[in-house]
Structures are given as C-alpha cells and as structure tokens.
Protein backbone atom coordinates (compact mmCIF):
# COMPACT_ATOMS: atom_id res chain seq x y z
CA MET A 1 163.00 99.64 135.66
CA ASN A 2 163.58 97.74 138.90
CA PRO A 3 165.27 99.07 142.06
CA GLU A 4 168.46 97.13 141.33
CA SER A 5 168.89 98.88 137.97
CA THR A 6 168.80 102.29 139.66
CA ALA A 7 171.58 101.49 142.16
CA PRO A 8 174.40 102.65 139.80
CA LEU A 9 172.49 105.92 139.29
CA ALA A 10 172.27 106.42 143.05
CA ARG A 11 175.99 105.84 143.47
CA THR A 12 176.78 108.20 140.58
CA MET A 13 174.71 110.92 142.28
CA GLY A 14 176.60 110.48 145.54
CA TYR A 15 173.90 108.63 147.40
CA GLU A 16 175.91 105.47 148.15
CA GLY A 17 173.99 103.35 150.60
CA ALA A 18 170.68 105.08 149.87
CA ASP A 19 167.58 103.10 149.08
CA PRO A 20 167.69 102.53 145.30
CA GLY A 21 163.91 102.54 145.27
CA ALA A 22 163.96 106.23 146.08
CA PHE A 23 165.33 106.80 142.57
CA ARG A 24 162.75 104.71 140.73
CA ILE A 25 161.42 106.35 137.55
CA ARG A 26 157.75 105.55 137.15
CA GLU A 27 156.93 103.56 134.02
CA SER A 28 153.17 103.53 134.58
CA GLY A 29 150.56 105.42 136.52
CA PRO A 30 150.21 109.17 136.93
CA ARG A 31 153.40 111.19 137.14
CA TYR A 32 151.72 114.15 138.87
CA VAL A 33 149.69 114.07 142.06
CA LEU A 34 147.40 117.08 142.38
CA GLY A 35 147.31 119.04 145.61
CA ASP A 36 145.39 122.28 146.22
CA LEU A 37 143.69 124.41 143.59
CA HIS A 38 145.92 127.47 143.20
CA ALA A 39 143.99 129.68 140.76
CA ALA A 40 141.22 129.60 138.16
CA GLY A 41 140.75 131.72 135.06
CA GLY A 42 138.46 131.94 132.06
CA ILE A 43 138.79 128.35 130.82
CA GLY A 44 141.60 126.86 132.90
CA GLU A 45 142.59 126.17 136.46
CA VAL A 46 146.05 125.84 138.01
CA TRP A 47 146.80 123.18 140.63
CA LEU A 48 149.79 122.74 142.89
CA ALA A 49 151.06 119.24 142.11
CA ARG A 50 153.91 116.89 142.93
CA ASP A 51 156.14 115.54 140.17
CA LEU A 52 156.80 112.00 141.38
CA ASN A 53 159.65 111.36 138.96
CA LEU A 54 161.69 114.44 139.88
CA ASP A 55 160.35 114.76 143.42
CA ARG A 56 159.47 118.44 143.13
CA ASP A 57 156.50 120.78 143.29
CA VAL A 58 155.12 121.93 139.95
CA ALA A 59 152.05 123.70 138.67
CA VAL A 60 149.61 121.74 136.53
CA LYS A 61 147.19 123.65 134.36
CA LYS A 62 144.11 121.89 133.08
CA LEU A 63 140.74 122.78 131.66
CA GLN A 64 138.10 123.64 134.21
CA THR A 65 136.32 120.57 135.51
CA HIS A 66 133.01 122.08 136.58
CA ARG A 67 131.82 122.38 132.99
CA ALA A 68 132.41 120.47 129.78
CA PRO A 69 134.99 122.32 127.68
CA THR A 70 134.09 123.29 124.13
CA GLU A 71 136.29 122.43 121.20
CA LEU A 72 137.24 126.13 120.98
CA ALA A 73 138.28 126.10 124.65
CA LYS A 74 140.45 123.02 124.00
CA LEU A 75 142.01 124.71 121.00
CA ARG A 76 142.81 127.88 122.95
CA PHE A 77 144.18 125.83 125.84
CA LEU A 78 146.55 123.92 123.58
CA ARG A 79 147.61 127.10 121.83
CA GLU A 80 148.40 128.72 125.19
CA ALA A 81 150.57 125.74 126.17
CA ARG A 82 152.47 125.77 122.89
CA ILE A 83 152.98 129.53 122.80
CA THR A 84 154.11 129.60 126.44
CA GLY A 85 156.45 126.71 125.77
CA GLN A 86 157.95 128.48 122.74
CA LEU A 87 158.76 131.66 124.67
CA ASP A 88 162.14 130.93 126.20
CA HIS A 89 162.50 133.99 128.38
CA PRO A 90 163.01 134.58 132.16
CA GLY A 91 159.75 136.54 132.22
CA VAL A 92 157.69 133.57 130.96
CA VAL A 93 157.06 130.52 133.13
CA PRO A 94 158.76 127.47 131.59
CA VAL A 95 156.48 124.65 130.42
CA TYR A 96 157.84 121.19 131.27
CA GLU A 97 155.53 118.96 129.24
CA ILE A 98 152.05 118.73 127.77
CA CYS A 99 150.07 115.55 128.35
CA CYS A 100 146.67 113.99 127.89
CA ASP A 101 144.70 112.78 130.89
CA GLU A 102 144.28 109.02 130.59
CA VAL A 103 140.82 109.15 132.18
CA THR A 104 139.19 112.28 130.72
CA GLY A 105 141.17 112.51 127.52
CA LEU A 106 141.62 116.24 128.14
CA PRO A 107 144.96 118.00 127.74
CA TYR A 108 146.95 119.41 130.64
CA TYR A 109 150.47 120.72 131.00
CA SER A 110 153.00 121.05 133.76
CA MET A 111 155.15 124.07 134.43
CA ARG A 112 157.23 125.70 137.09
CA PHE A 113 155.34 126.58 140.26
CA LEU A 114 156.10 130.09 141.44
CA ARG A 115 155.42 131.23 144.97
CA GLY A 116 154.55 134.87 145.34
CA ARG A 117 151.71 137.27 144.64
CA THR A 118 150.17 139.00 141.66
CA LEU A 119 151.04 142.51 140.61
CA SER A 120 147.43 143.44 141.47
CA GLU A 121 148.05 142.49 145.08
CA ALA A 122 151.35 144.39 145.15
CA VAL A 123 149.69 147.52 143.72
CA ARG A 124 146.89 147.36 146.30
CA GLU A 125 149.47 147.04 149.08
CA HIS A 126 151.46 149.97 147.66
CA HIS A 127 148.44 152.29 147.69
CA ARG A 128 147.23 151.07 151.08
CA THR A 129 150.57 151.85 152.73
CA ARG A 130 150.91 155.01 150.64
CA ASP A 131 147.65 156.32 152.08
CA ALA A 132 148.71 155.34 155.58
CA ARG A 133 152.28 156.65 155.53
CA GLY A 134 152.30 159.24 152.76
CA SER A 135 155.75 157.97 151.70
CA HIS A 136 155.69 155.83 148.60
CA LEU A 137 158.70 156.39 146.36
CA LYS A 138 160.58 153.27 147.44
CA SER A 139 157.68 150.92 146.75
CA LEU A 140 156.79 152.84 143.57
CA VAL A 141 160.30 152.31 142.24
CA GLY A 142 160.01 148.60 143.08
CA LEU A 143 156.80 148.37 141.04
CA LEU A 144 158.33 150.32 138.17
CA ASN A 145 161.35 148.01 138.10
CA ALA A 146 158.94 145.07 137.82
CA PHE A 147 157.05 146.96 135.10
CA ASP A 148 160.32 147.35 133.18
CA ILE A 149 160.78 143.55 133.21
CA ILE A 150 157.15 143.03 132.13
CA CYS A 151 157.61 145.38 129.17
CA ASN A 152 160.77 143.59 128.11
CA THR A 153 159.04 140.21 128.38
CA VAL A 154 156.23 141.45 126.13
CA ALA A 155 158.79 142.99 123.77
CA TYR A 156 160.48 139.56 123.51
CA ALA A 157 157.12 137.95 122.67
CA HIS A 158 156.57 140.58 119.98
CA SER A 159 160.01 139.79 118.53
CA ARG A 160 158.75 136.20 118.17
CA GLY A 161 155.60 137.42 116.41
CA ILE A 162 153.31 136.83 119.41
CA ILE A 163 150.90 139.28 121.06
CA HIS A 164 149.46 138.62 124.53
CA ARG A 165 146.13 140.52 124.23
CA ASP A 166 145.32 140.23 127.94
CA ILE A 167 147.95 142.35 129.69
CA LYS A 168 146.80 143.28 133.21
CA PRO A 169 148.22 143.30 136.76
CA GLY A 170 146.37 140.07 137.57
CA ASN A 171 148.34 138.29 134.84
CA VAL A 172 151.73 139.09 136.35
CA LEU A 173 153.30 137.09 139.15
CA LEU A 174 155.91 138.58 141.47
CA GLY A 175 157.95 135.78 142.99
CA ASP A 176 159.20 135.73 146.55
CA TYR A 177 162.78 135.99 145.29
CA GLY A 178 162.47 138.76 142.73
CA GLU A 179 160.97 136.82 139.82
CA VAL A 180 158.61 138.76 137.52
CA ILE A 181 156.56 136.45 135.31
CA VAL A 182 153.90 137.27 132.69
CA ILE A 183 151.30 134.50 132.80
CA ASP A 184 148.03 133.46 131.14
CA TRP A 185 148.85 133.46 127.44
CA GLY A 186 145.41 131.95 126.71
CA LEU A 187 144.42 134.78 124.36
CA ALA A 188 147.88 135.10 122.80
CA LYS A 189 148.30 134.61 119.08
CA GLN A 190 150.78 135.17 116.32
CA PHE A 191 149.93 138.50 114.74
CA GLY A 192 148.94 138.31 111.13
CA ARG A 193 147.19 134.96 111.57
CA ALA A 194 143.44 134.59 111.39
CA GLU A 195 141.51 134.48 114.67
CA VAL A 196 139.93 131.24 115.77
CA THR A 197 136.14 131.12 115.70
CA ALA A 198 134.62 133.25 118.46
CA GLU A 199 132.02 132.12 120.95
CA ALA A 200 129.01 134.23 121.88
CA VAL A 201 129.51 135.99 125.24
CA ASN A 202 126.97 137.86 127.34
CA LEU A 203 129.02 140.97 128.23
CA ASP A 204 126.57 142.04 130.92
CA ALA A 205 127.44 138.87 132.84
CA VAL A 206 131.22 139.35 132.66
CA PRO A 207 132.98 141.37 135.40
CA GLN A 208 135.00 144.24 133.93
CA ASN A 209 138.24 142.96 135.49
CA GLU A 210 137.90 139.42 134.10
CA THR A 211 138.93 138.08 130.74
CA VAL A 212 136.41 138.01 127.87
CA ALA A 213 136.97 135.33 125.24
CA GLY A 214 134.37 135.94 122.57
CA GLN A 215 134.04 138.35 119.64
CA ILE A 216 135.78 140.83 121.97
CA LEU A 217 138.99 139.42 123.45
CA GLY A 218 140.74 140.71 126.55
CA THR A 219 139.87 142.24 129.90
CA PRO A 220 137.56 145.27 129.44
CA ALA A 221 139.22 147.52 132.03
CA TYR A 222 142.65 147.06 130.38
CA MET A 223 141.96 146.29 126.71
CA SER A 224 142.81 148.65 123.86
CA PRO A 225 140.14 150.59 121.91
CA GLU A 226 140.66 148.34 118.86
CA GLN A 227 140.03 145.27 121.03
CA ALA A 228 136.98 146.93 122.60
CA ALA A 229 135.62 147.57 119.10
CA GLY A 230 136.02 143.87 118.21
CA GLU A 231 138.48 144.69 115.42
CA SER A 232 140.55 141.53 115.81
CA ASP A 233 142.37 142.04 112.50
CA ALA A 234 143.59 145.47 113.70
CA VAL A 235 144.97 144.12 116.97
CA GLY A 236 148.77 144.00 116.98
CA PRO A 237 151.67 144.90 119.27
CA PRO A 238 150.23 148.42 119.90
CA ALA A 239 147.33 146.73 121.73
CA ASP A 240 149.81 145.23 124.20
CA VAL A 241 151.49 148.65 124.55
CA TYR A 242 148.07 150.01 125.52
CA GLY A 243 147.59 147.18 128.04
CA LEU A 244 151.00 147.87 129.55
CA SER A 245 150.13 151.56 129.83
CA ALA A 246 146.84 150.65 131.52
CA MET A 247 148.91 148.59 133.96
CA LEU A 248 151.18 151.60 134.56
CA TYR A 249 148.06 153.72 135.15
CA GLU A 250 146.97 151.31 137.90
CA ILE A 251 150.44 151.41 139.45
CA LEU A 252 150.17 155.21 139.64
CA CYS A 253 146.50 155.47 140.65
CA GLY A 254 145.49 152.19 142.25
CA ARG A 255 142.75 151.62 139.65
CA PRO A 256 142.49 150.94 135.90
CA PRO A 257 141.98 153.82 133.45
CA PHE A 258 138.24 153.16 133.12
CA THR A 259 135.63 151.90 135.56
CA GLY A 260 131.88 151.75 135.25
CA ALA A 261 128.67 150.16 136.45
CA ASN A 262 129.06 147.27 134.00
CA THR A 263 131.28 145.88 131.27
CA VAL A 264 129.32 147.49 128.43
CA GLU A 265 129.80 150.93 129.99
CA VAL A 266 133.52 150.31 130.47
CA LEU A 267 133.95 149.21 126.85
CA LYS A 268 132.19 152.36 125.68
CA GLN A 269 134.61 154.50 127.72
CA VAL A 270 137.59 152.58 126.37
CA ARG A 271 136.47 153.32 122.80
CA SER A 272 135.51 156.97 123.16
CA SER A 273 136.54 158.62 126.47
CA ALA A 274 139.86 160.09 127.55
CA PRO A 275 141.18 158.74 130.87
CA LEU A 276 141.49 161.12 133.78
CA PRO A 277 145.10 162.24 134.31
CA PRO A 278 146.54 160.12 137.15
CA SER A 279 147.41 163.26 139.13
CA GLU A 280 143.69 164.07 139.39
CA ILE A 281 143.12 160.75 141.15
CA THR A 282 146.29 160.41 143.22
CA PRO A 283 148.20 163.47 144.50
CA ASN A 284 151.89 163.94 143.71
CA VAL A 285 152.03 161.62 140.70
CA PRO A 286 155.28 162.56 138.92
CA THR A 287 154.49 164.62 135.83
CA ALA A 288 156.91 162.73 133.60
CA LEU A 289 155.37 159.35 134.51
CA GLU A 290 151.89 160.73 133.90
CA GLU A 291 152.91 161.87 130.41
CA ILE A 292 154.49 158.48 129.64
CA CYS A 293 151.35 156.70 130.82
CA LEU A 294 148.85 158.84 128.91
CA LYS A 295 150.84 158.59 125.68
CA GLY A 296 150.53 154.81 125.85
CA LEU A 297 146.73 155.13 126.33
CA ALA A 298 146.18 157.05 123.09
CA LYS A 299 143.09 155.91 121.16
CA VAL A 300 145.02 155.79 117.88
CA PRO A 301 147.61 152.98 117.90
CA SER A 302 150.19 155.01 115.94
CA GLU A 303 150.15 157.73 118.63
CA ARG A 304 151.27 155.34 121.38
CA HIS A 305 154.85 154.41 122.23
CA ALA A 306 156.48 152.78 119.23
CA SER A 307 156.96 149.50 121.09
CA ALA A 308 156.91 147.86 124.50
CA GLU A 309 160.67 148.37 124.58
CA HIS A 310 160.26 152.14 124.00
CA LEU A 311 157.74 152.28 126.86
CA ALA A 312 160.16 150.42 129.15
CA ARG A 313 162.99 152.74 128.15
CA ALA A 314 160.93 155.85 129.01
CA VAL A 315 160.04 154.52 132.48
CA ARG A 316 163.60 153.30 133.05
CA ALA A 317 164.94 156.79 132.24
CA TRP A 318 162.64 158.29 134.88
CA VAL A 319 163.78 155.75 137.50
CA SER A 320 167.42 156.43 136.58
CA ASP A 321 166.91 160.19 136.90
CA LEU A 322 165.24 159.65 140.27
CA ALA A 323 168.22 157.62 141.46
CA GLU A 324 170.57 160.40 140.37
CA ARG A 325 168.43 162.98 142.13
CA ARG A 326 168.36 160.87 145.29
CA GLN A 327 172.13 160.52 145.20
CA ALA A 328 172.47 164.27 144.74
CA GLU A 329 170.12 164.86 147.67
CA GLU A 330 172.14 162.52 149.89
CA GLU A 331 175.36 164.31 148.95
CA ARG A 332 173.70 167.66 149.62
CA GLU A 333 172.40 166.35 152.95
CA ARG A 334 175.95 165.52 154.04
CA PHE A 335 177.15 168.95 152.93
CA PHE A 336 174.18 170.68 154.56
CA ALA A 337 174.99 169.03 157.88
CA LEU A 338 178.47 170.61 157.90
CA SER A 339 177.45 174.13 156.91
CA LEU A 340 176.72 177.05 159.22
CA ASP A 341 174.72 178.78 156.48
CA LEU A 342 170.99 178.46 155.83
CA LEU A 343 171.00 175.85 153.04
CA ALA A 344 167.83 174.62 151.34
CA ILE A 345 166.28 173.25 148.17
CA ILE A 346 163.11 174.98 146.95
CA ASP A 347 160.87 173.02 144.57
CA ALA A 348 158.90 174.32 141.56
CA ASP A 349 156.01 175.30 143.86
CA GLY A 350 158.23 177.39 146.13
CA ARG A 351 158.23 174.82 148.94
CA LEU A 352 161.20 173.78 151.04
CA VAL A 353 162.03 170.13 150.28
CA GLN A 354 165.47 169.91 151.88
CA VAL A 355 166.99 172.05 154.65
CA GLY A 356 170.19 172.14 156.66
CA PRO A 357 170.48 172.13 160.46
CA ALA A 358 171.42 175.82 160.57
CA TRP A 359 167.73 176.70 160.18
CA ALA A 360 167.20 175.46 163.73
CA SER A 361 170.19 177.27 165.22
CA LEU A 362 169.74 180.59 163.37
CA LEU A 363 165.96 180.85 163.00
CA GLY A 364 164.73 178.41 165.66
CA CYS A 365 162.85 176.36 163.04
CA ALA A 366 162.65 172.57 163.38
CA ARG A 367 163.08 170.54 160.21
CA ASP A 368 159.51 169.19 160.28
CA ALA A 369 158.13 172.72 160.57
CA LEU A 370 159.92 173.68 157.34
CA LEU A 371 159.71 170.72 154.95
CA GLY A 372 156.77 171.02 152.59
CA HIS A 373 156.06 174.61 153.61
CA PRO A 374 156.49 177.67 151.35
CA PHE A 375 159.84 179.41 151.70
CA LEU A 376 158.05 182.77 151.70
CA GLU A 377 156.44 181.87 155.05
CA ARG A 378 159.86 182.43 156.63
CA ILE A 379 160.25 185.91 155.05
CA HIS A 380 159.04 189.16 156.65
CA GLU A 381 155.72 190.09 155.06
CA ASP A 382 157.03 193.46 153.83
CA ASP A 383 159.85 191.71 151.94
CA ARG A 384 157.78 188.87 150.42
CA PRO A 385 156.85 190.57 147.11
CA ALA A 386 160.48 191.35 146.27
CA VAL A 387 161.70 187.90 147.37
CA GLY A 388 158.91 186.24 145.37
CA ASN A 389 160.01 188.17 142.28
CA ASN A 390 163.57 186.97 142.78
CA LEU A 391 162.41 183.35 143.04
CA GLU A 392 160.35 183.64 139.89
CA ALA A 393 163.14 185.36 137.95
CA ALA A 394 165.71 182.72 138.95
CA ARG A 395 163.34 179.92 137.96
CA THR A 396 162.24 181.50 134.67
CA ASP A 397 165.59 182.82 133.50
CA GLN A 398 167.58 179.89 134.92
CA GLN A 399 170.09 182.42 136.21
CA PRO A 400 171.51 182.89 139.72
CA ALA A 401 170.10 185.67 141.88
CA ALA A 402 171.32 187.45 145.04
CA PHE A 403 169.26 189.58 147.41
CA GLU A 404 168.79 190.51 151.05
CA SER A 405 165.67 190.24 153.17
CA ARG A 406 164.46 189.86 156.71
CA ALA A 407 163.76 186.29 157.84
CA VAL A 408 161.29 185.59 160.63
CA HIS A 409 162.64 183.73 163.67
CA ALA A 410 160.40 181.17 165.37
CA ASP A 411 160.03 183.60 168.30
CA GLY A 412 158.67 186.31 165.99
CA THR A 413 161.83 188.44 165.81
CA THR A 414 163.61 189.04 162.52
CA ARG A 415 167.13 188.39 161.23
CA TRP A 416 168.72 189.97 158.20
CA VAL A 417 169.85 187.34 155.68
CA SER A 418 171.84 187.62 152.47
CA TRP A 419 170.40 185.04 150.04
CA ASN A 420 171.87 183.44 146.92
CA LEU A 421 169.71 181.41 144.55
CA THR A 422 171.03 178.97 141.94
CA PRO A 423 168.76 176.94 139.59
CA ILE A 424 169.42 173.18 139.66
CA ALA A 425 169.61 171.77 136.16
CA ARG A 426 166.93 169.15 135.29
CA GLU A 427 165.26 169.35 138.69
CA ARG A 428 163.09 172.48 138.32
CA SER A 429 164.35 173.38 141.78
CA LEU A 430 166.44 176.16 143.31
CA TYR A 431 169.48 175.82 145.54
CA LEU A 432 169.29 178.43 148.31
CA VAL A 433 172.15 179.68 150.48
CA GLY A 434 171.44 182.19 153.24
CA ARG A 435 173.98 183.93 155.44
CA ASP A 436 173.03 185.75 158.61
CA ILE A 437 174.06 189.40 158.18
CA THR A 438 172.11 190.82 161.12
CA ASP A 439 175.22 192.03 162.93
CA LEU A 440 176.60 193.49 159.73
CA LYS A 441 173.32 195.28 159.08
CA ARG A 442 173.37 196.75 162.56
CA SER A 443 176.95 197.89 162.03
CA GLN A 444 175.97 199.40 158.70
CA GLN A 445 173.01 201.17 160.27
CA LEU A 446 175.30 202.52 163.00
CA PHE A 447 177.85 203.54 160.39
CA GLU A 448 175.10 205.09 158.29
CA GLY A 449 174.05 207.15 161.30
CA VAL A 450 177.61 208.32 161.84
CA LEU A 451 177.98 208.98 158.13
CA GLN A 452 174.84 211.06 157.90
CA SER A 453 175.71 213.09 160.99
CA ALA A 454 179.16 214.06 159.67
CA PRO A 455 179.46 217.84 159.03
CA ASP A 456 181.41 217.34 155.79
CA ALA A 457 180.49 215.60 152.58
CA LEU A 458 181.52 211.92 152.85
CA VAL A 459 181.76 209.24 150.15
CA LEU A 460 183.06 205.66 150.28
CA ILE A 461 185.08 204.40 147.30
CA ASN A 462 185.84 200.77 146.41
CA ALA A 463 189.01 199.40 144.81
CA GLU A 464 187.55 200.03 141.34
CA GLY A 465 187.30 203.72 142.19
CA ARG A 466 183.50 203.72 142.31
CA ILE A 467 181.25 205.38 144.88
CA THR A 468 179.51 202.84 147.13
CA LEU A 469 178.00 205.20 149.69
CA ALA A 470 177.36 208.95 150.04
CA ASN A 471 175.80 211.06 152.80
CA ARG A 472 173.32 213.91 152.60
CA GLN A 473 176.09 216.51 152.85
CA ALA A 474 177.62 215.05 149.67
CA GLU A 475 174.28 215.61 147.94
CA ASN A 476 174.20 219.21 149.17
CA VAL A 477 177.81 220.02 148.24
CA PHE A 478 177.92 218.44 144.78
CA GLY A 479 174.26 218.81 143.76
CA TYR A 480 173.69 215.14 142.90
CA THR A 481 171.13 212.84 144.51
CA ARG A 482 172.49 209.79 146.30
CA GLU A 483 171.04 207.55 143.56
CA GLU A 484 172.95 209.52 140.93
CA LEU A 485 176.22 209.09 142.81
CA LEU A 486 176.13 205.40 143.77
CA GLY A 487 178.09 203.19 141.38
CA GLN A 488 179.67 206.13 139.55
CA PRO A 489 183.47 206.63 139.29
CA ILE A 490 184.84 209.14 141.81
CA GLU A 491 186.14 211.16 138.84
CA LEU A 492 182.55 212.40 138.41
CA LEU A 493 183.29 214.87 141.24
CA ILE A 494 186.66 216.03 139.84
CA PRO A 495 187.31 218.68 137.15
CA HIS A 496 187.89 217.19 133.69
CA ARG A 497 191.54 218.26 133.48
CA PHE A 498 192.45 216.00 136.43
CA ARG A 499 190.44 212.91 135.48
CA GLU A 500 192.94 211.10 133.28
CA LYS A 501 195.59 210.66 135.98
CA HIS A 502 193.25 210.35 138.96
CA PRO A 503 192.58 206.53 138.72
CA SER A 504 196.30 205.86 139.17
CA HIS A 505 196.29 208.02 142.35
CA VAL A 506 193.34 205.95 143.66
CA ALA A 507 195.18 202.69 142.92
CA LYS A 508 198.32 203.90 144.70
CA PHE A 509 196.36 204.87 147.79
CA PHE A 510 194.67 201.44 147.94
CA ALA A 511 198.06 199.76 147.57
CA ALA A 512 199.68 201.78 150.37
CA SER A 513 196.98 203.38 152.45
CA SER A 514 197.85 206.00 155.03
CA PHE A 515 195.65 208.49 156.76
CA ARG A 516 195.68 211.92 155.14
CA PRO A 517 194.16 214.62 157.34
CA MET A 518 192.04 217.54 156.29
CA GLY A 519 193.94 220.73 155.40
CA SER A 520 197.16 219.06 154.29
CA GLY A 521 198.12 222.08 152.19
CA LEU A 522 197.09 220.65 148.77
CA ALA A 523 195.22 222.91 146.39
CA LEU A 524 192.31 220.61 145.45
CA ARG A 525 189.25 221.29 143.29
CA GLY A 526 185.79 219.73 143.14
CA LEU A 527 183.15 219.80 140.39
CA ARG A 528 179.47 220.36 141.03
CA LYS A 529 176.69 218.81 138.93
CA ASP A 530 176.04 222.20 137.31
CA GLY A 531 179.64 222.28 136.07
CA ARG A 532 181.01 224.84 138.54
CA GLU A 533 184.41 224.19 140.10
CA PHE A 534 185.09 225.00 143.74
CA ALA A 535 187.93 224.75 146.23
CA VAL A 536 187.91 221.75 148.59
CA GLU A 537 189.92 220.14 151.35
CA ILE A 538 189.89 216.33 151.51
CA SER A 539 190.84 213.81 154.18
CA LEU A 540 191.37 210.15 153.22
CA SER A 541 191.31 207.04 155.40
CA ALA A 542 191.15 203.31 154.68
CA LEU A 543 188.62 200.98 156.31
CA THR A 544 187.42 197.39 155.88
CA LEU A 545 183.74 196.34 155.83
CA GLU A 546 182.88 192.59 155.57
CA SER A 547 186.43 191.83 154.30
CA THR A 548 186.10 194.53 151.61
CA LYS A 549 188.64 197.36 151.61
CA LEU A 550 187.20 200.83 151.08
CA VAL A 551 188.46 204.40 151.21
CA ALA A 552 186.48 207.09 153.02
CA ALA A 553 186.85 210.56 151.51
CA SER A 554 185.65 213.54 153.59
CA VAL A 555 185.19 216.62 151.40
CA ARG A 556 184.95 220.15 152.82
CA ASP A 557 183.79 223.06 150.68
CA VAL A 558 186.32 225.93 151.27
CA SER A 559 185.21 228.09 148.36
CA ALA A 560 184.06 230.81 150.75
CA ARG A 561 187.55 230.95 152.25
CA GLU A 562 189.05 231.22 148.74
CA SER A 563 186.83 234.14 147.75
CA SER A 564 187.67 236.04 150.90
C-alpha cells in the first residue's frame, strides 16, 4: 500500500491535509518494536512494545530468551495464549494476536498493556500504612472490592471449563483507573483433560512464592493441598477456590497462609497443617471475614465454598453490611451532635466506639479519652458490678435495660445518671442513652430527709394507686417493712370492706386534686399487717416529681383518742 492509497482513509478519519504516510499500514517488517522488559515469570517475559500499525503501546509476551525453551514450555506458552484469548471477560487481559518470530521461530503474542501495580504491592502498602496509622477499613474495603472482581473473573473461567491453578496476589494487576485483571494463565487448563507431560523440578531451588511447573503445579505458598500432593487429576475448580482464599488470607494478614524455611517445608504444611487464624497474626481482623477465609482453606475440597462465586458473595455481603453499619453510624453521629444526653455505642467487648459531645459538657471527657476505652471506666467503682450485670444481661437477652448509677467526672467528682440500654440488631453492640439526674437525686435525697423526719406515717401514691415511697413511721404504724409496701396497691392499708370502691376515689382525686387537711371530720380506718383495724386521720396533697404526678398521704394513728 502506497501513501497515495491511504489518502482517502485519512480524509474519512477527519485528517484532511495530514500526511498520508502517517496512515501507512506496514506490509513487511516487524509490526511491534520492543521497549523495556516489564516482567518475567516461570517461562515467559513481558515487554512494553509499540504497535506500529495502530500507533499504540501494547504488551508483548514471549518465551524467555536467556535459555532455550523446551517443547513443553512452548506447548504451555501457546496454551496460555489460546486460553487467555478465549476468555472474553473484563477481568482477563485481551489478546490481540499470536505470531511467530521470523528470526527465532518462537511464538509470541500481543495484548493490552495495563499500567498499574500487582495486588501483592497493594496488600503490602495496605499493611504498611495500617501499621503506621492504625486505620485500615477504607483500604481494606478497596482490596475486598478488587477481590470480588477477581472471584467473578475466576468464576467466569470455570463456567468456560477452565481452571487457573496459580491464583496468587502476584498474578493480579490493579490498573491505575480501577481495572482488576487476572494474569498469567500459563498453568491454566480445561478441567477433565489430561495433563501435559511434566518436567522434573528441584523443589529446593524454587522460592515458595514463585510458580512451580513440574509434577507439582502452582505456587507453593498459595496452592491447594491436592496440588501440593501432585494429584493433578483431582485438581478442579475447588483448587482455585483455595487459591482465592489464600489470597484473601494475605489481604487480611499481609502474608500467605503458610511460610517456611524452604518450599518442601511449605508444601508439607499445605498438605497437613491448619493455618493460623488471621486474628492471631493481625489484630482486629473481622470475625466474619476470618470465618469466610478459613472455610475456603479447608483441606477437603468439598468443605470449601461451593464455588468462586459463592466465595465472592460471602465477602460482598460483609462489605455491604459494613456499608450499612457505616451509614447508620453517620446518621447516629448527626443525631448525637444534637442531643444533650450522654449518647454512646458500646461494642461486644464493652468499649465505647461512638460518643456524643455531651460527654465533654457533662462529664468533662474528651472524645479521644473515651473511644476504645471500657464504658465501666466511667462508672463509680461501687456501682460497676451492678452496671456490668446490666450490660451482660442486655447483650445476652437482647432486651432493653434501664438503671441508675454514678458516673465519674474528669475532675474526680461524680454525677448521677439514668441509663437506658438497647441492643442493636446485627451489630453485637449496645445503644446507650444517659441522662444527668444529679439535681433530681439531690432533690429526692432532700425530700427523703423531709419524708423520714415527718411525725406521721407518709406514703406516696402514683396514678395507678400504687405505693412508690414510704417513710419509717409508715413501717411503724402499719407493721410492714418498706420493701413490703413499695409497689403494692394502697388498698393494702385499708379494711377489706372499703377496698372495692377505693380505686375510684383515688382516680377522682388525681383528676381533680385539692388539698385535704388532717382532721377533716371523716371517720377513716386503717388496717395493720396483723389484721387489726384502727382509727386514722389522713391529709392528702398532690405533687409532681420529674413530670410525674403523685399524691402524698399523711396518716395519723388516732386509735388512742378513740379508746379514750
């Protein structure tokens, strides 16, 4: 094709006046010009190259040049190119063409060049910054979202009858613009087909994080027990599920499930040892993710997740729940900021994980001095056992609880607080609301002092007609202890013949309260615990405590006057 013949093409593409030679399609000579070596693996190496026909950067993968490739290496290289080319999925790098080098006669293929980093590098960065900052959820979620895409890519390959057999963080590329690509399908094969002839490999000479391509296929630190045992006929999709779970383990811990002094030792652990739970290596690993990970690392293939898709779904559900919890926390944070009460969230370990600003104004406690610390640290030491029991009961029974205790101010003084606990569904946490009742308590104590010093028996009655408070004189006059009186209907202290109509009298007084003085001329009777009746005079008055209407009844024993 000469430059003149490309001029119509240039005009069609909107390049009128451009040099037609710029659109020349090469009819001879190399199409690709190699640039820098980008990466090297077991048998192949990837070069950054320039496609002269399409004027773009591509990746060219070819057999390693520093040693003569075996026929088996050529066969595996060609199979990788064909399998990769057959997998039409966003998570697999597209293959453009496969060619034969005119000089060496060796095959090579071109594919999309992706700029970015490997998942291994991203995981190392996550754990480095995690150690430095202590905060890691945002980057963890980013890695888990990439892991979801990886699982779905592998699930697609399985749907096409292909297993990867070398799943590991180093075989995943994370593009600069959000791409997640599973690479290096050199050990992939269609399950059910016979394995190609294996080459002898000295395992002692192979690093545990590099691919083995012999009787044992895969990367020792990430391969499944059936791969480690060399049982190629038993290797199917569950082996990839194991590899994905080993990848998840590294995301959580920063290292693969098994490490050792050499490859042989690692393979032995893969076959016969249980991996350490991730939480024993890295603090604060979410329990649910740990369970998902360890299930996928089961020695028996049938005990793993049913498929790569099932594994992705389990991780996705955790991420979704986390997002919902974060949204709930943000909504609570906005509500907390507006409240004058002591609002907080207490986690399963009894620690404060979210607090409102009222803690600073009421108890002088800065937010940083509270978060991550046990709630019981803010409770007076004499009240801690009872408060601890309330926390445990609310968490165990999943029922609300209400109680009062003394809270310790930052200056060492105490404040009386009325607490309400409510379990939060699905979060294993408790929602805490505290209201400062110090002034009320002081008023009650003052009232209690007045009550106890009264010369007559005195009881307080609520709108339901039940006794809410009684003084010592009431105990003396009626013969009951205070504990026996509290919560009982006032009719307990009235002769039986008057009890039926008495509740209606109580209701009428609450509806239209007016002070009734002592000695109003009514012939009234009381009833002692021992069953004896006696003559009484009663004064009634209405009062309100903490927005609750009560009636105070002062009872005077006038039986001596009656007998005289």
